[in-house]
Structure formats: C-alpha cells, structure tokens
Amino acid sequence: MLLFCTKCVLTLLLFIFFHQSIENLEGQIADALTDRNKAAETISKLQVRLLLFMVSYLFNSVSEFKEKLHISY
C-alpha cells in the first residue's frame, strides 16, 4: 500500500513539474511571437521609409535634370 502511495505522489509531482514546464514553454512561445510581430512591423516601416526615400531621391534627381535641360512639363 505504501509503495502504491509513493508511486502516486511521484506521478503527481512529475505531472506538476511537466505542467509547469509546458506553461513556461507556452509563455516563451507567446513572447517569441510578440517579438516576431514587432520585428515584422519594424521591417515593414523601414521598407516604407526606404521606398519613400528612393522615390524622393528619384523625383529630386529628375527635377534637377529637367531644370538643367530647361524642360517643363
């Protein structure tokens, strides 16, 4: 009978340990997904800024070129 109770206690302790480990892993996954989403948002913002910079640079270059050639639209 005592051996049975010892097995039950050990089983319960293992269950508690694994349950806490799973909760910890779930928290880590949630944090990783949050970080990933923030990184994706930052990358998107940087892509937009880069595109705007390139368009602005291109527009200024074209405008300056037209001014040098005295071209009007």
N, C-alpha and C. Protein backbone atom coordinates (compact mmCIF):
# COMPACT_ATOMS: atom_id res chain seq x y z
N MET A 1 0.83 -1.19 0.00
CA MET A 1 0.00 0.00 0.00
C MET A 1 0.87 1.25 0.00
N LEU A 2 1.93 1.25 0.81
CA LEU A 2 2.83 2.40 0.89
C LEU A 2 3.52 2.63 -0.45
N LEU A 3 3.89 1.55 -1.13
CA LEU A 3 4.53 1.66 -2.44
C LEU A 3 3.58 2.29 -3.44
N PHE A 4 2.31 1.93 -3.38
CA PHE A 4 1.31 2.50 -4.27
C PHE A 4 1.19 4.01 -4.03
N CYS A 5 1.14 4.42 -2.77
CA CYS A 5 1.03 5.84 -2.45
C CYS A 5 2.28 6.60 -2.90
N THR A 6 3.44 5.99 -2.76
CA THR A 6 4.69 6.62 -3.19
C THR A 6 4.66 6.83 -4.70
N LYS A 7 4.19 5.84 -5.44
CA LYS A 7 4.07 5.98 -6.89
C LYS A 7 3.09 7.08 -7.26
N CYS A 8 2.00 7.16 -6.51
CA CYS A 8 1.01 8.21 -6.78
C CYS A 8 1.61 9.59 -6.54
N VAL A 9 2.34 9.72 -5.45
CA VAL A 9 2.97 11.00 -5.13
C VAL A 9 4.00 11.37 -6.19
N LEU A 10 4.82 10.42 -6.59
CA LEU A 10 5.82 10.67 -7.62
C LEU A 10 5.15 11.04 -8.95
N THR A 11 4.09 10.34 -9.28
CA THR A 11 3.35 10.64 -10.50
C THR A 11 2.78 12.05 -10.44
N LEU A 12 2.21 12.41 -9.33
CA LEU A 12 1.65 13.74 -9.15
C LEU A 12 2.73 14.81 -9.24
N LEU A 13 3.88 14.56 -8.62
CA LEU A 13 4.98 15.52 -8.68
C LEU A 13 5.48 15.69 -10.11
N LEU A 14 5.61 14.58 -10.83
CA LEU A 14 6.03 14.65 -12.24
C LEU A 14 5.01 15.41 -13.07
N PHE A 15 3.73 15.16 -12.81
CA PHE A 15 2.68 15.86 -13.53
C PHE A 15 2.78 17.37 -13.28
N ILE A 16 2.95 17.76 -12.03
CA ILE A 16 3.08 19.18 -11.68
C ILE A 16 4.30 19.78 -12.37
N PHE A 17 5.42 19.08 -12.33
CA PHE A 17 6.65 19.56 -12.95
C PHE A 17 6.45 19.77 -14.45
N PHE A 18 5.90 18.76 -15.13
CA PHE A 18 5.71 18.86 -16.58
C PHE A 18 4.67 19.91 -16.94
N HIS A 19 3.64 20.04 -16.11
CA HIS A 19 2.62 21.06 -16.35
C HIS A 19 3.24 22.45 -16.27
N GLN A 20 4.07 22.68 -15.26
CA GLN A 20 4.75 23.97 -15.14
C GLN A 20 5.71 24.20 -16.30
N SER A 21 6.39 23.15 -16.73
CA SER A 21 7.31 23.28 -17.87
C SER A 21 6.55 23.65 -19.13
N ILE A 22 5.39 23.03 -19.33
CA ILE A 22 4.58 23.33 -20.51
C ILE A 22 4.08 24.77 -20.45
N GLU A 23 3.63 25.22 -19.29
CA GLU A 23 3.18 26.61 -19.15
C GLU A 23 4.33 27.57 -19.44
N ASN A 24 5.53 27.23 -18.97
CA ASN A 24 6.70 28.06 -19.21
C ASN A 24 7.01 28.13 -20.71
N LEU A 25 6.95 26.98 -21.38
CA LEU A 25 7.20 26.96 -22.83
C LEU A 25 6.14 27.75 -23.59
N GLU A 26 4.89 27.65 -23.16
CA GLU A 26 3.82 28.42 -23.79
C GLU A 26 4.09 29.91 -23.66
N GLY A 27 4.56 30.33 -22.49
CA GLY A 27 4.90 31.74 -22.27
C GLY A 27 6.05 32.17 -23.16
N GLN A 28 7.06 31.33 -23.29
CA GLN A 28 8.20 31.65 -24.15
C GLN A 28 7.77 31.75 -25.61
N ILE A 29 6.89 30.86 -26.04
CA ILE A 29 6.40 30.91 -27.42
C ILE A 29 5.60 32.19 -27.65
N ALA A 30 4.77 32.55 -26.69
CA ALA A 30 3.99 33.79 -26.82
C ALA A 30 4.92 35.00 -26.91
N ASP A 31 5.96 35.03 -26.08
CA ASP A 31 6.94 36.13 -26.13
C ASP A 31 7.66 36.16 -27.47
N ALA A 32 8.04 35.00 -27.96
CA ALA A 32 8.74 34.93 -29.25
C ALA A 32 7.85 35.42 -30.39
N LEU A 33 6.57 35.06 -30.35
CA LEU A 33 5.64 35.52 -31.39
C LEU A 33 5.45 37.03 -31.32
N THR A 34 5.39 37.56 -30.11
CA THR A 34 5.27 39.01 -29.94
C THR A 34 6.50 39.71 -30.52
N ASP A 35 7.68 39.18 -30.19
CA ASP A 35 8.92 39.75 -30.72
C ASP A 35 8.96 39.66 -32.24
N ARG A 36 8.51 38.54 -32.78
CA ARG A 36 8.49 38.35 -34.23
C ARG A 36 7.56 39.36 -34.89
N ASN A 37 6.39 39.57 -34.30
CA ASN A 37 5.45 40.53 -34.87
C ASN A 37 6.01 41.95 -34.82
N LYS A 38 6.67 42.30 -33.71
CA LYS A 38 7.29 43.62 -33.61
C LYS A 38 8.39 43.78 -34.66
N ALA A 39 9.18 42.74 -34.86
CA ALA A 39 10.25 42.79 -35.86
C ALA A 39 9.67 42.94 -37.26
N ALA A 40 8.60 42.21 -37.55
CA ALA A 40 7.97 42.31 -38.87
C ALA A 40 7.41 43.71 -39.09
N GLU A 41 6.83 44.29 -38.05
CA GLU A 41 6.30 45.65 -38.16
C GLU A 41 7.43 46.65 -38.39
N THR A 42 8.53 46.48 -37.68
CA THR A 42 9.68 47.37 -37.86
C THR A 42 10.24 47.26 -39.28
N ILE A 43 10.35 46.03 -39.77
CA ILE A 43 10.86 45.82 -41.13
C ILE A 43 9.93 46.49 -42.14
N SER A 44 8.63 46.36 -41.95
CA SER A 44 7.68 46.98 -42.87
C SER A 44 7.83 48.50 -42.86
N LYS A 45 7.97 49.07 -41.67
CA LYS A 45 8.14 50.53 -41.57
C LYS A 45 9.44 50.97 -42.25
N LEU A 46 10.50 50.20 -42.07
CA LEU A 46 11.77 50.53 -42.72
C LEU A 46 11.66 50.42 -44.24
N GLN A 47 10.94 49.43 -44.72
CA GLN A 47 10.75 49.28 -46.17
C GLN A 47 10.00 50.48 -46.73
N VAL A 48 8.97 50.94 -46.02
CA VAL A 48 8.22 52.10 -46.49
C VAL A 48 9.11 53.34 -46.50
N ARG A 49 9.88 53.53 -45.42
CA ARG A 49 10.77 54.69 -45.36
C ARG A 49 11.80 54.65 -46.49
N LEU A 50 12.35 53.47 -46.74
CA LEU A 50 13.33 53.33 -47.81
C LEU A 50 12.70 53.64 -49.16
N LEU A 51 11.51 53.13 -49.38
CA LEU A 51 10.81 53.39 -50.64
C LEU A 51 10.54 54.89 -50.80
N LEU A 52 10.06 55.53 -49.74
CA LEU A 52 9.80 56.97 -49.80
C LEU A 52 11.09 57.75 -50.06
N PHE A 53 12.17 57.32 -49.43
CA PHE A 53 13.45 57.99 -49.67
C PHE A 53 13.87 57.84 -51.12
N MET A 54 13.74 56.62 -51.65
CA MET A 54 14.15 56.37 -53.03
C MET A 54 13.30 57.17 -54.01
N VAL A 55 11.99 57.22 -53.78
CA VAL A 55 11.10 57.99 -54.65
C VAL A 55 11.45 59.46 -54.57
N SER A 56 11.67 59.95 -53.35
CA SER A 56 12.04 61.35 -53.16
C SER A 56 13.35 61.66 -53.88
N TYR A 57 14.33 60.79 -53.72
CA TYR A 57 15.63 60.99 -54.37
C TYR A 57 15.47 60.98 -55.89
N LEU A 58 14.71 60.01 -56.37
CA LEU A 58 14.50 59.91 -57.82
C LEU A 58 13.77 61.14 -58.34
N PHE A 59 12.73 61.57 -57.63
CA PHE A 59 11.99 62.74 -58.06
C PHE A 59 12.88 63.98 -58.08
N ASN A 60 13.68 64.16 -57.04
CA ASN A 60 14.59 65.30 -56.99
C ASN A 60 15.61 65.22 -58.13
N SER A 61 16.11 64.03 -58.42
CA SER A 61 17.08 63.86 -59.50
C SER A 61 16.46 64.20 -60.84
N VAL A 62 15.24 63.73 -61.07
CA VAL A 62 14.55 64.01 -62.33
C VAL A 62 14.27 65.50 -62.43
N SER A 63 13.81 66.10 -61.33
CA SER A 63 13.53 67.54 -61.34
C SER A 63 14.78 68.35 -61.63
N GLU A 64 15.87 67.98 -60.98
CA GLU A 64 17.13 68.69 -61.22
C GLU A 64 17.59 68.50 -62.67
N PHE A 65 17.43 67.30 -63.20
CA PHE A 65 17.82 67.03 -64.59
C PHE A 65 17.00 67.88 -65.55
N LYS A 66 15.68 67.94 -65.31
CA LYS A 66 14.82 68.74 -66.18
C LYS A 66 15.17 70.22 -66.08
N GLU A 67 15.50 70.67 -64.88
CA GLU A 67 15.89 72.07 -64.72
C GLU A 67 17.16 72.37 -65.51
N LYS A 68 18.10 71.46 -65.48
CA LYS A 68 19.35 71.66 -66.21
C LYS A 68 19.11 71.70 -67.72
N LEU A 69 18.15 70.93 -68.20
CA LEU A 69 17.85 70.89 -69.63
C LEU A 69 16.75 71.89 -70.01
N HIS A 70 16.23 72.60 -69.02
CA HIS A 70 15.16 73.57 -69.23
C HIS A 70 13.92 72.91 -69.83
N ILE A 71 13.56 71.78 -69.27
CA ILE A 71 12.38 71.05 -69.72
C ILE A 71 11.26 71.36 -68.73
N SER A 72 10.11 71.68 -69.26
CA SER A 72 8.95 71.88 -68.38
C SER A 72 7.88 70.86 -68.74
N TYR A 73 7.03 70.57 -67.79
CA TYR A 73 6.01 69.61 -68.10
C TYR A 73 4.71 70.26 -68.23
